[in-house]
C-alpha atoms as a PDB file:
ATOM      1  CA  MET A   1      -0.110  -0.124   0.011  1.00  0.00           C
ATOM      2  CA  GLU A   2       1.368   3.455  -1.043  1.00  0.00           C
ATOM      3  CA  ARG A   3       1.328   6.081   1.492  1.00  0.00           C
ATOM      4  CA  TYR A   4       0.957   9.774   1.001  1.00  0.00           C
ATOM      5  CA  TYR A   5       2.083  12.672   3.142  1.00  0.00           C
ATOM      6  CA  VAL A   6      -0.480  15.458   3.629  1.00  0.00           C
ATOM      7  CA  ASP A   7      -0.114  18.799   5.393  1.00  0.00           C
ATOM      8  CA  CYS A   8      -2.919  20.451   7.485  1.00  0.00           C
ATOM      9  CA  LEU A   9      -4.303  23.823   6.608  1.00  0.00           C
ATOM     10  CA  ASP A  10      -1.706  26.516   6.852  1.00  0.00           C
ATOM     11  CA  ASP A  11      -2.373  29.343   9.429  1.00  0.00           C
ATOM     12  CA  ALA A  12      -3.778  31.866   7.192  1.00  0.00           C
ATOM     13  CA  THR A  13      -6.203  29.380   5.524  1.00  0.00           C
ATOM     14  CA  PHE A  14      -7.409  27.899   8.802  1.00  0.00           C
ATOM     15  CA  ALA A  15      -7.764  31.427  10.235  1.00  0.00           C
ATOM     16  CA  LYS A  16     -10.322  32.087   7.283  1.00  0.00           C
ATOM     17  CA  LEU A  17     -12.196  28.919   7.993  1.00  0.00           C
ATOM     18  CA  TYR A  18     -12.216  29.433  11.604  1.00  0.00           C
ATOM     19  CA  ASP A  19     -13.636  33.060  11.216  1.00  0.00           C
ATOM     20  CA  LYS A  20     -16.335  31.859   8.842  1.00  0.00           C
ATOM     21  CA  VAL A  21     -17.414  29.110  11.210  1.00  0.00           C
ATOM     22  CA  ARG A  22     -17.310  31.616  14.170  1.00  0.00           C
ATOM     23  CA  ARG A  23     -19.380  34.183  12.295  1.00  0.00           C
ATOM     24  CA  ALA A  24     -22.017  31.788  11.149  1.00  0.00           C
ATOM     25  CA  SER A  25     -25.325  32.492  12.960  1.00  0.00           C
ATOM     26  CA  PHE A  26     -26.503  28.882  13.772  1.00  0.00           C
ATOM     27  CA  ASN A  27     -24.654  25.635  14.640  1.00  0.00           C
ATOM     28  CA  ASP A  28     -26.224  23.873  11.614  1.00  0.00           C
ATOM     29  CA  ASN A  29     -24.569  26.414   9.390  1.00  0.00           C
ATOM     30  CA  LYS A  30     -21.266  25.978  11.385  1.00  0.00           C
ATOM     31  CA  PHE A  31     -21.514  22.170  10.914  1.00  0.00           C
ATOM     32  CA  ASP A  32     -22.181  22.619   7.126  1.00  0.00           C
ATOM     33  CA  LEU A  33     -19.135  24.863   6.694  1.00  0.00           C
ATOM     34  CA  LEU A  34     -16.942  22.357   8.570  1.00  0.00           C
ATOM     35  CA  GLU A  35     -18.595  19.423   6.399  1.00  0.00           C
ATOM     36  CA  VAL A  36     -17.675  21.250   3.113  1.00  0.00           C
ATOM     37  CA  ALA A  37     -14.203  22.253   4.267  1.00  0.00           C
ATOM     38  CA  GLY A  38     -13.481  18.756   5.131  1.00  0.00           C
ATOM     39  CA  LEU A  39     -13.836  17.715   1.518  1.00  0.00           C
ATOM     40  CA  GLY A  40     -10.463  19.076   0.610  1.00  0.00           C
ATOM     41  CA  CYS A  41      -8.796  20.083   4.048  1.00  0.00           C
ATOM     42  CA  TYR A  42      -6.724  18.379   6.539  1.00  0.00           C
ATOM     43  CA  TYR A  43      -6.205  19.524  10.260  1.00  0.00           C
ATOM     44  CA  SER A  44      -3.987  19.314  12.954  1.00  0.00           C
ATOM     45  CA  CYS A  45      -5.111  18.433  16.442  1.00  0.00           C
ATOM     46  CA  GLU A  46      -4.384  21.967  17.471  1.00  0.00           C
ATOM     47  CA  GLN A  47      -6.524  23.369  14.747  1.00  0.00           C
ATOM     48  CA  THR A  48      -9.300  20.662  15.556  1.00  0.00           C
ATOM     49  CA  ALA A  49      -9.385  21.728  19.364  1.00  0.00           C
ATOM     50  CA  ARG A  50      -9.581  25.521  18.375  1.00  0.00           C
ATOM     51  CA  MET A  51     -12.626  24.768  16.257  1.00  0.00           C
ATOM     52  CA  ILE A  52     -14.258  22.636  19.132  1.00  0.00           C
ATOM     53  CA  LYS A  53     -13.853  25.475  21.380  1.00  0.00           C
ATOM     54  CA  LEU A  54     -16.380  27.429  19.483  1.00  0.00           C
ATOM     55  CA  PHE A  55     -19.042  25.186  20.693  1.00  0.00           C
ATOM     56  CA  THR A  56     -20.493  25.245  24.195  1.00  0.00           C
ATOM     57  CA  PHE A  57     -22.090  21.893  24.571  1.00  0.00           C
ATOM     58  CA  SER A  58     -20.262  18.483  24.527  1.00  0.00           C
ATOM     59  CA  ASP A  59     -22.730  17.082  21.947  1.00  0.00           C
ATOM     60  CA  ASP A  60     -21.894  19.802  19.353  1.00  0.00           C
ATOM     61  CA  GLN A  61     -18.125  19.491  20.302  1.00  0.00           C
ATOM     62  CA  LEU A  62     -18.164  15.701  19.674  1.00  0.00           C
ATOM     63  CA  LYS A  63     -20.161  16.508  16.338  1.00  0.00           C
ATOM     64  CA  VAL A  64     -17.313  18.885  15.310  1.00  0.00           C
ATOM     65  CA  LEU A  65     -14.739  16.256  16.234  1.00  0.00           C
ATOM     66  CA  ARG A  66     -16.699  13.662  14.084  1.00  0.00           C
ATOM     67  CA  LEU A  67     -16.567  15.953  11.237  1.00  0.00           C
ATOM     68  CA  MET A  68     -12.931  16.637  11.485  1.00  0.00           C
ATOM     69  CA  ALA A  69     -11.384  13.465  12.817  1.00  0.00           C
ATOM     70  CA  PRO A  70     -11.142  11.796   9.446  1.00  0.00           C
ATOM     71  CA  ARG A  71      -8.919  14.604   8.239  1.00  0.00           C
ATOM     72  CA  ILE A  72      -6.695  14.884  11.236  1.00  0.00           C
ATOM     73  CA  ILE A  73      -3.039  14.285  10.304  1.00  0.00           C
ATOM     74  CA  ASP A  74      -1.550  14.081  13.684  1.00  0.00           C
ATOM     75  CA  PRO A  75      -3.595  11.739  15.969  1.00  0.00           C
ATOM     76  CA  GLN A  76      -0.458  11.204  18.142  1.00  0.00           C
ATOM     77  CA  ASN A  77      -1.227  14.740  19.465  1.00  0.00           C
ATOM     78  CA  ALA A  78      -4.805  13.688  20.536  1.00  0.00           C
ATOM     79  CA  ILE A  79      -4.252  14.773  24.104  1.00  0.00           C
ATOM     80  CA  ILE A  80      -4.883  18.335  23.117  1.00  0.00           C
ATOM     81  CA  ILE A  81      -8.515  17.342  22.066  1.00  0.00           C
ATOM     82  CA  TYR A  82      -9.037  15.099  25.140  1.00  0.00           C
ATOM     83  CA  ASN A  83      -8.162  17.857  27.433  1.00  0.00           C
ATOM     84  CA  LEU A  84     -11.024  19.952  26.313  1.00  0.00           C
ATOM     85  CA  PHE A  85     -13.602  17.706  27.706  1.00  0.00           C
ATOM     86  CA  THR A  86     -14.556  17.574  31.190  1.00  0.00           C
ATOM     87  CA  PHE A  87     -16.129  14.130  31.888  1.00  0.00           C
ATOM     88  CA  ASP A  88     -14.582  10.680  31.364  1.00  0.00           C
ATOM     89  CA  SER A  89     -17.287   9.687  29.153  1.00  0.00           C
ATOM     90  CA  GLU A  90     -16.762  12.372  26.817  1.00  0.00           C
ATOM     91  CA  LYS A  91     -13.025  11.624  26.749  1.00  0.00           C
ATOM     92  CA  VAL A  92     -13.835   8.083  25.872  1.00  0.00           C
ATOM     93  CA  LYS A  93     -16.107   9.095  23.069  1.00  0.00           C
ATOM     94  CA  ALA A  94     -13.453  11.586  21.672  1.00  0.00           C
ATOM     95  CA  GLY A  95     -10.878   8.822  21.795  1.00  0.00           C
ATOM     96  CA  GLU A  96     -13.099   6.454  20.044  1.00  0.00           C
ATOM     97  CA  ILE A  97     -13.766   9.069  17.246  1.00  0.00           C
ATOM     98  CA  ILE A  98     -10.221   9.785  16.811  1.00  0.00           C
ATOM     99  CA  LEU A  99      -9.021   6.171  16.927  1.00  0.00           C
ATOM    100  CA  ARG A 100     -11.709   5.314  14.337  1.00  0.00           C
ATOM    101  CA  ASP A 101     -11.550   8.103  11.909  1.00  0.00           C
ATOM    102  CA  SER A 102      -8.262   9.805  12.082  1.00  0.00           C
ATOM    103  CA  THR A 103      -5.887   9.630   8.945  1.00  0.00           C
ATOM    104  CA  ARG A 104      -3.057   7.336   9.469  1.00  0.00           C
END
């Protein structure tokens, strides 16, 4: 199997996406933006964590993670994401999402 190396979004491009998501009026619009961006973008755990912080509730935060995890290029840094969640059950769910979906 041939492996390819991919880079996450550069800081300027991520800042534009982050700002668009932050400015979206409703969570559904925010999720739509992330879903479309995920068609061609890869993310670092740090970028994913920043995006997760835009959402207040853990269900929404986990949804963001589900959208972004298949495009995470550095799952070895997932502790950055785990630390965002307060409860062990949320941390377990986050871990399952990252292990199942992140790019290897």
